[in-house]
Structures are given as C-alpha cells and as structure tokens.
N, C-alpha and C. Protein backbone atom coordinates (compact mmCIF):
# COMPACT_ATOMS: atom_id res chain seq x y z
N MET A 1 2.96 -47.55 -24.78
CA MET A 1 2.18 -46.58 -23.91
C MET A 1 2.99 -45.71 -22.97
N ARG A 2 4.21 -46.06 -22.51
CA ARG A 2 5.17 -45.45 -21.72
C ARG A 2 5.75 -44.28 -22.85
N TYR A 3 6.03 -44.34 -23.83
CA TYR A 3 6.45 -43.46 -24.61
C TYR A 3 5.48 -42.33 -25.15
N VAL A 4 4.10 -42.70 -25.12
CA VAL A 4 3.07 -41.71 -25.26
C VAL A 4 2.77 -40.90 -23.96
N PHE A 5 3.03 -41.68 -22.67
CA PHE A 5 2.92 -40.74 -21.55
C PHE A 5 4.28 -39.51 -21.47
N ALA A 6 5.51 -40.11 -21.64
CA ALA A 6 6.30 -39.45 -21.59
C ALA A 6 6.45 -38.08 -22.75
N ILE A 7 6.14 -38.38 -23.99
CA ILE A 7 6.10 -37.34 -24.81
C ILE A 7 4.80 -36.31 -24.44
N THR A 8 3.75 -36.77 -23.85
CA THR A 8 2.55 -35.95 -23.53
C THR A 8 3.26 -35.17 -22.17
N ALA A 9 3.83 -35.74 -21.21
CA ALA A 9 4.42 -34.87 -20.07
C ALA A 9 5.59 -33.91 -20.73
N LEU A 10 6.35 -34.32 -21.62
CA LEU A 10 7.25 -33.25 -22.08
C LEU A 10 6.61 -32.17 -22.80
N VAL A 11 5.45 -32.40 -23.68
CA VAL A 11 4.97 -31.45 -24.46
C VAL A 11 4.18 -30.55 -23.35
N LEU A 12 3.33 -31.00 -22.23
CA LEU A 12 2.86 -30.47 -21.21
C LEU A 12 3.85 -29.43 -20.49
N ALA A 13 4.92 -29.94 -20.11
CA ALA A 13 6.01 -29.24 -19.27
C ALA A 13 6.44 -27.82 -20.17
N GLY A 14 6.47 -28.15 -21.43
CA GLY A 14 7.06 -27.08 -22.46
C GLY A 14 5.85 -26.06 -22.22
N ILE A 15 4.70 -26.33 -22.32
CA ILE A 15 3.69 -25.54 -22.60
C ILE A 15 3.57 -24.67 -21.10
N LEU A 16 3.87 -25.55 -20.29
CA LEU A 16 3.63 -24.78 -18.73
C LEU A 16 4.95 -23.84 -18.67
N LEU A 17 5.98 -24.23 -19.31
CA LEU A 17 7.26 -23.09 -19.13
C LEU A 17 7.12 -22.02 -19.95
N ILE A 18 6.31 -22.26 -21.03
CA ILE A 18 6.14 -20.78 -21.62
C ILE A 18 5.04 -20.05 -21.24
N LEU A 19 4.26 -20.64 -20.62
CA LEU A 19 3.13 -19.96 -19.80
C LEU A 19 3.74 -19.15 -18.68
N GLY A 20 4.60 -19.90 -17.98
CA GLY A 20 5.24 -19.14 -16.96
C GLY A 20 6.19 -17.96 -17.17
N ILE A 21 6.76 -18.22 -18.49
CA ILE A 21 7.81 -17.03 -18.82
C ILE A 21 6.77 -15.99 -19.33
N GLY A 22 5.85 -16.14 -19.70
CA GLY A 22 4.95 -15.09 -20.32
C GLY A 22 4.20 -14.29 -18.97
N GLN A 23 3.88 -14.99 -18.22
CA GLN A 23 3.18 -14.57 -16.88
C GLN A 23 3.96 -13.51 -16.24
N THR A 24 5.63 -13.64 -16.18
CA THR A 24 6.18 -13.16 -15.56
C THR A 24 6.92 -11.89 -16.42
N THR A 25 6.46 -11.92 -17.80
CA THR A 25 7.16 -10.79 -18.52
C THR A 25 5.86 -9.92 -19.05
N PHE A 26 5.26 -10.17 -20.14
CA PHE A 26 4.46 -9.69 -21.03
C PHE A 26 2.92 -9.89 -20.25
N MET A 27 2.54 -10.65 -19.82
CA MET A 27 1.20 -10.87 -19.16
C MET A 27 1.03 -10.21 -17.79
N ALA A 28 2.23 -9.80 -17.20
CA ALA A 28 2.24 -9.32 -15.82
C ALA A 28 1.91 -7.82 -15.92
N GLY A 29 1.24 -7.52 -14.92
CA GLY A 29 1.22 -5.86 -14.79
C GLY A 29 2.23 -4.84 -14.57
N PRO A 30 2.07 -3.91 -14.07
CA PRO A 30 3.24 -2.80 -13.91
C PRO A 30 3.77 -3.30 -12.88
N ARG A 31 5.40 -3.23 -12.76
CA ARG A 31 6.10 -3.62 -11.42
C ARG A 31 5.87 -2.50 -10.44
N VAL A 32 6.00 -1.32 -10.67
CA VAL A 32 5.80 -0.16 -9.80
C VAL A 32 4.56 0.72 -10.20
N ILE A 33 3.78 1.03 -9.21
CA ILE A 33 2.69 1.87 -9.36
C ILE A 33 2.94 3.01 -8.24
N THR A 34 2.90 4.23 -8.61
CA THR A 34 3.52 5.29 -7.53
C THR A 34 2.61 6.20 -7.49
N HIS A 35 2.04 6.45 -6.16
CA HIS A 35 0.96 7.51 -5.88
C HIS A 35 1.68 8.39 -4.90
N SER A 36 1.74 9.88 -5.06
CA SER A 36 2.44 10.48 -4.14
C SER A 36 1.58 11.85 -3.57
N ALA A 37 2.06 12.25 -2.68
CA ALA A 37 1.12 13.39 -2.07
C ALA A 37 2.23 14.25 -1.09
N SER A 38 1.81 15.43 -1.02
CA SER A 38 2.64 16.51 -0.23
C SER A 38 1.75 16.72 0.95
N LEU A 39 2.40 16.51 2.18
CA LEU A 39 1.64 16.67 3.41
C LEU A 39 2.11 18.15 3.74
N GLN A 40 1.01 19.26 4.06
CA GLN A 40 1.34 20.36 4.50
C GLN A 40 0.61 20.48 5.91
N ALA A 41 1.35 20.01 6.96
CA ALA A 41 0.69 20.16 8.34
C ALA A 41 1.51 20.52 9.51
N GLU A 42 1.08 21.08 10.49
CA GLU A 42 2.11 21.72 11.41
C GLU A 42 2.95 20.70 12.03
N ASN A 43 2.19 19.35 12.49
CA ASN A 43 2.95 18.28 13.06
C ASN A 43 3.33 17.29 12.36
N GLY A 44 2.90 17.42 10.81
CA GLY A 44 3.39 16.33 9.91
C GLY A 44 2.82 14.94 10.27
N LEU A 45 1.80 14.62 10.97
CA LEU A 45 1.16 13.32 11.07
C LEU A 45 0.24 13.19 10.20
N ALA A 46 0.27 12.01 9.53
CA ALA A 46 -0.62 11.49 8.40
C ALA A 46 -0.84 10.02 8.80
N VAL A 47 -2.26 9.52 8.68
CA VAL A 47 -2.39 8.03 8.93
C VAL A 47 -3.15 7.46 7.77
N LEU A 48 -2.13 6.38 7.37
CA LEU A 48 -2.39 5.59 6.13
C LEU A 48 -3.07 4.39 6.65
N SER A 49 -4.34 4.07 6.26
CA SER A 49 -4.96 2.79 6.59
C SER A 49 -4.62 1.70 5.83
N ASP A 50 -4.82 0.64 6.45
CA ASP A 50 -4.61 -0.69 5.64
C ASP A 50 -5.49 -0.86 4.17
N GLU A 51 -6.66 -0.23 4.19
CA GLU A 51 -7.57 -0.19 2.91
C GLU A 51 -6.85 0.64 1.87
N THR A 52 -5.94 1.51 2.13
CA THR A 52 -5.30 2.28 1.12
C THR A 52 -4.20 1.52 0.70
N LEU A 53 -3.51 0.82 1.62
CA LEU A 53 -2.41 -0.16 1.33
C LEU A 53 -2.85 -1.18 0.08
N THR A 54 -3.85 -1.48 0.63
CA THR A 54 -4.58 -2.84 -0.32
C THR A 54 -5.32 -2.49 -1.56
N ALA A 55 -5.32 -1.11 -1.65
CA ALA A 55 -6.23 -0.63 -2.81
C ALA A 55 -5.70 -0.95 -4.23
N VAL A 56 -4.42 -1.20 -4.18
CA VAL A 56 -3.75 -1.60 -5.44
C VAL A 56 -3.02 -3.02 -5.05
N ALA A 57 -3.23 -3.92 -6.27
CA ALA A 57 -2.84 -5.15 -5.90
C ALA A 57 -1.20 -5.26 -6.12
N GLY A 58 -0.60 -5.89 -5.04
CA GLY A 58 0.67 -6.29 -5.03
C GLY A 58 1.36 -5.84 -3.67
N GLN A 59 2.62 -5.94 -3.71
CA GLN A 59 3.08 -5.59 -2.24
C GLN A 59 3.20 -3.88 -2.20
N ALA A 60 2.73 -3.55 -0.88
CA ALA A 60 2.88 -2.07 -0.60
C ALA A 60 4.27 -1.74 -0.28
N ASN A 61 4.62 -0.47 -0.78
CA ASN A 61 6.07 0.04 -0.56
C ASN A 61 5.92 1.48 -0.25
N VAL A 62 6.18 2.02 1.06
CA VAL A 62 5.90 3.31 1.57
C VAL A 62 7.11 3.96 1.48
N VAL A 63 7.27 5.06 0.84
CA VAL A 63 8.61 5.88 1.09
C VAL A 63 8.18 7.34 1.34
N VAL A 64 8.71 7.72 2.65
CA VAL A 64 8.51 8.93 3.28
C VAL A 64 9.92 9.70 2.94
N ASN A 65 9.61 11.02 2.61
CA ASN A 65 10.78 11.93 2.59
C ASN A 65 10.48 13.06 3.44
N GLY A 66 11.58 13.76 3.99
CA GLY A 66 11.52 14.79 4.85
C GLY A 66 12.49 15.02 5.92
N VAL A 67 12.49 15.89 6.75
CA VAL A 67 13.41 15.96 7.87
C VAL A 67 13.21 15.03 9.00
N ASP A 68 14.05 14.17 9.41
CA ASP A 68 13.77 13.26 10.34
C ASP A 68 12.37 12.46 10.27
N PRO A 69 12.16 11.77 9.24
CA PRO A 69 10.68 11.06 9.02
C PRO A 69 10.74 9.88 9.84
N VAL A 70 9.38 9.64 10.48
CA VAL A 70 9.23 8.44 11.28
C VAL A 70 7.94 7.79 10.93
N ILE A 71 7.88 6.38 10.69
CA ILE A 71 6.77 5.56 10.35
C ILE A 71 6.81 4.65 11.56
N ALA A 72 5.25 4.72 12.02
CA ALA A 72 4.84 3.64 12.97
C ALA A 72 3.69 2.92 12.49
N VAL A 73 3.79 1.63 12.91
CA VAL A 73 2.86 0.55 12.14
C VAL A 73 1.93 0.08 13.31
N GLY A 74 0.57 -0.01 13.23
CA GLY A 74 -0.21 -0.37 14.26
C GLY A 74 -1.77 -0.68 13.61
N HIS A 75 -2.53 -1.19 14.44
CA HIS A 75 -3.75 -1.28 14.13
C HIS A 75 -4.38 0.07 14.01
N ASP A 76 -5.54 -0.01 13.17
CA ASP A 76 -6.25 1.36 12.78
C ASP A 76 -6.80 2.12 14.09
N ARG A 77 -7.28 1.31 15.04
CA ARG A 77 -7.89 2.15 16.16
C ARG A 77 -6.64 2.44 17.08
N ASP A 78 -5.63 1.88 17.09
CA ASP A 78 -4.68 1.91 18.11
C ASP A 78 -3.84 3.05 17.32
N VAL A 79 -3.83 3.38 16.35
CA VAL A 79 -3.11 4.66 15.60
C VAL A 79 -3.92 5.89 15.77
N HIS A 80 -5.07 5.84 15.55
CA HIS A 80 -6.01 6.82 15.78
C HIS A 80 -6.31 7.35 17.10
N ALA A 81 -5.97 6.29 17.88
CA ALA A 81 -5.99 6.77 19.60
C ALA A 81 -4.83 7.52 19.60
N TRP A 82 -3.62 6.98 19.38
CA TRP A 82 -2.35 7.72 19.50
C TRP A 82 -2.39 8.93 18.98
N VAL A 83 -2.92 9.30 17.85
CA VAL A 83 -2.90 10.67 17.25
C VAL A 83 -3.99 11.65 17.50
N ALA A 84 -5.00 11.00 18.24
CA ALA A 84 -6.11 11.84 18.40
C ALA A 84 -5.99 13.18 19.02
N PRO A 85 -5.05 13.20 20.17
CA PRO A 85 -4.73 14.62 20.74
C PRO A 85 -4.12 15.58 19.64
N PHE A 86 -3.67 15.06 18.59
CA PHE A 86 -3.07 16.11 17.58
C PHE A 86 -3.78 15.90 16.52
N GLY A 87 -3.76 17.19 15.73
CA GLY A 87 -4.22 17.23 14.23
C GLY A 87 -3.57 16.55 13.26
N TYR A 88 -4.04 15.78 12.48
CA TYR A 88 -3.28 14.77 11.59
C TYR A 88 -4.18 14.90 10.17
N ALA A 89 -3.70 14.23 9.24
CA ALA A 89 -4.32 14.04 8.04
C ALA A 89 -4.46 12.46 7.70
N THR A 90 -5.46 11.86 7.25
CA THR A 90 -6.06 10.72 6.80
C THR A 90 -5.58 10.65 5.30
N VAL A 91 -4.83 9.49 4.79
CA VAL A 91 -4.45 9.28 3.54
C VAL A 91 -5.38 8.06 2.86
N GLU A 92 -5.93 8.68 1.72
CA GLU A 92 -6.62 7.73 1.07
C GLU A 92 -6.53 7.84 -0.39
N SER A 93 -6.83 6.44 -0.98
CA SER A 93 -6.40 6.43 -2.38
C SER A 93 -7.40 6.53 -3.25
N ASP A 94 -7.08 7.56 -4.48
CA ASP A 94 -8.26 7.68 -5.56
C ASP A 94 -7.84 6.85 -6.70
N ALA A 95 -8.56 5.74 -6.89
CA ALA A 95 -8.04 4.74 -7.80
C ALA A 95 -8.45 5.69 -9.33
N SER A 96 -9.33 6.29 -9.67
CA SER A 96 -9.76 7.08 -10.80
C SER A 96 -8.59 7.92 -11.22
N THR A 97 -7.93 8.87 -10.32
CA THR A 97 -6.82 9.65 -10.80
C THR A 97 -5.40 9.12 -10.27
N ALA A 98 -5.53 7.95 -9.51
CA ALA A 98 -4.33 7.65 -9.21
C ALA A 98 -3.29 8.47 -8.31
N GLN A 99 -4.19 9.15 -7.48
CA GLN A 99 -3.79 10.17 -6.49
C GLN A 99 -3.81 9.92 -5.01
N LEU A 100 -2.97 10.27 -4.25
CA LEU A 100 -3.31 10.19 -2.78
C LEU A 100 -4.29 11.54 -2.44
N VAL A 101 -5.26 11.20 -1.60
CA VAL A 101 -6.02 12.44 -1.06
C VAL A 101 -5.74 12.48 0.41
N LEU A 102 -5.39 13.55 0.90
CA LEU A 102 -5.10 13.90 2.23
C LEU A 102 -6.29 14.67 2.75
N SER A 103 -7.07 14.30 3.79
CA SER A 103 -8.00 14.90 4.46
C SER A 103 -7.76 15.12 5.75
N PRO A 104 -7.61 16.63 6.25
CA PRO A 104 -7.35 16.79 7.69
C PRO A 104 -8.43 16.54 8.69
N VAL A 105 -7.99 15.97 9.87
CA VAL A 105 -8.73 15.86 10.97
C VAL A 105 -8.33 16.94 12.01
N ALA A 106 -9.18 17.52 12.53
CA ALA A 106 -8.85 18.59 13.55
C ALA A 106 -8.59 17.97 14.89
N GLN A 107 -7.88 18.71 15.58
CA GLN A 107 -7.29 18.17 16.97
C GLN A 107 -8.31 17.90 17.90
N ASP A 108 -8.20 16.92 18.69
CA ASP A 108 -9.56 16.40 19.64
C ASP A 108 -9.12 17.07 20.89
N PHE A 109 -9.46 18.29 21.31
CA PHE A 109 -9.12 19.04 22.67
C PHE A 109 -9.24 18.20 24.06
N GLU A 110 -10.45 17.43 23.98
CA GLU A 110 -10.69 16.48 25.14
C GLU A 110 -9.60 15.53 25.29
N ALA A 111 -9.25 14.71 24.13
CA ALA A 111 -8.19 13.94 24.25
C ALA A 111 -6.79 14.39 24.43
N ALA A 112 -6.74 15.77 23.97
CA ALA A 112 -5.40 16.38 24.38
C ALA A 112 -5.13 16.87 25.75
N GLU A 113 -6.28 17.11 26.43
CA GLU A 113 -6.45 17.26 28.03
C GLU A 113 -6.03 15.99 28.77
N SER A 114 -6.65 14.86 28.27
CA SER A 114 -6.44 13.51 29.03
C SER A 114 -4.98 13.24 28.85
N PHE A 115 -4.52 13.54 27.58
CA PHE A 115 -3.23 13.07 27.17
C PHE A 115 -2.28 13.86 27.92
N ALA A 116 -2.30 15.21 28.19
CA ALA A 116 -1.39 16.05 28.95
C ALA A 116 -1.60 15.56 30.52
C-alpha cells in the first residue's frame, strides 16, 4: 500500500511540475503591456488614478520621459487637492484601443488664490 501512495505522489508531483512550467511559459499572458501618451500642457501636470493603474492585470510600471520629470504618489483626493490651483490633465486607460486618454482639467482660480 505504501508503494501505491508513493507512486501516486510521484505522478501527482510530475503533473503539477508540468502545469507549473506551462503556467509560467505558454499559458501566461504577455509580460509587458505598453500604453503611451504624450502630454502637451503648460505646466506638465498629469494625474494618473489608481483605477487606471489597475485596469490591466499585473504589476504597474510607470515610465516618465522629459526634462526633469517628477512623480508624486498619494491618495487621489490629496493629489487632486495639490494640483487643483493649476491646470492639469487626468490620465485614463481605454482598454478597447490600448491607449491612454488625456483629459484636460482647467485651473481652479479660487484654489489658486487661496494657494497664493
């Protein structure tokens, strides 16, 4: 009876090993999904929400190119409060076209006066 259990465990381990290799190779999705956008704004502020980052499964990796780029991370309401005095763009992901959509948000003059 011991030999039957040992052979069963060995066969089961082999099947799980083959499934594990398959899961990380041909059954896995693409390793990199790239969405790009070009921001044409005066101050260069863009707000990327957490919904946009979680729209695609996997670990998000944000790459920003430009002259002295800066990335700040915070809660959505805090970030919107920080950039409210200035004009900025919101970044959303369009899953059907695999593109990032930039929507401009006008400057809040009341917040700008209280900020100054």
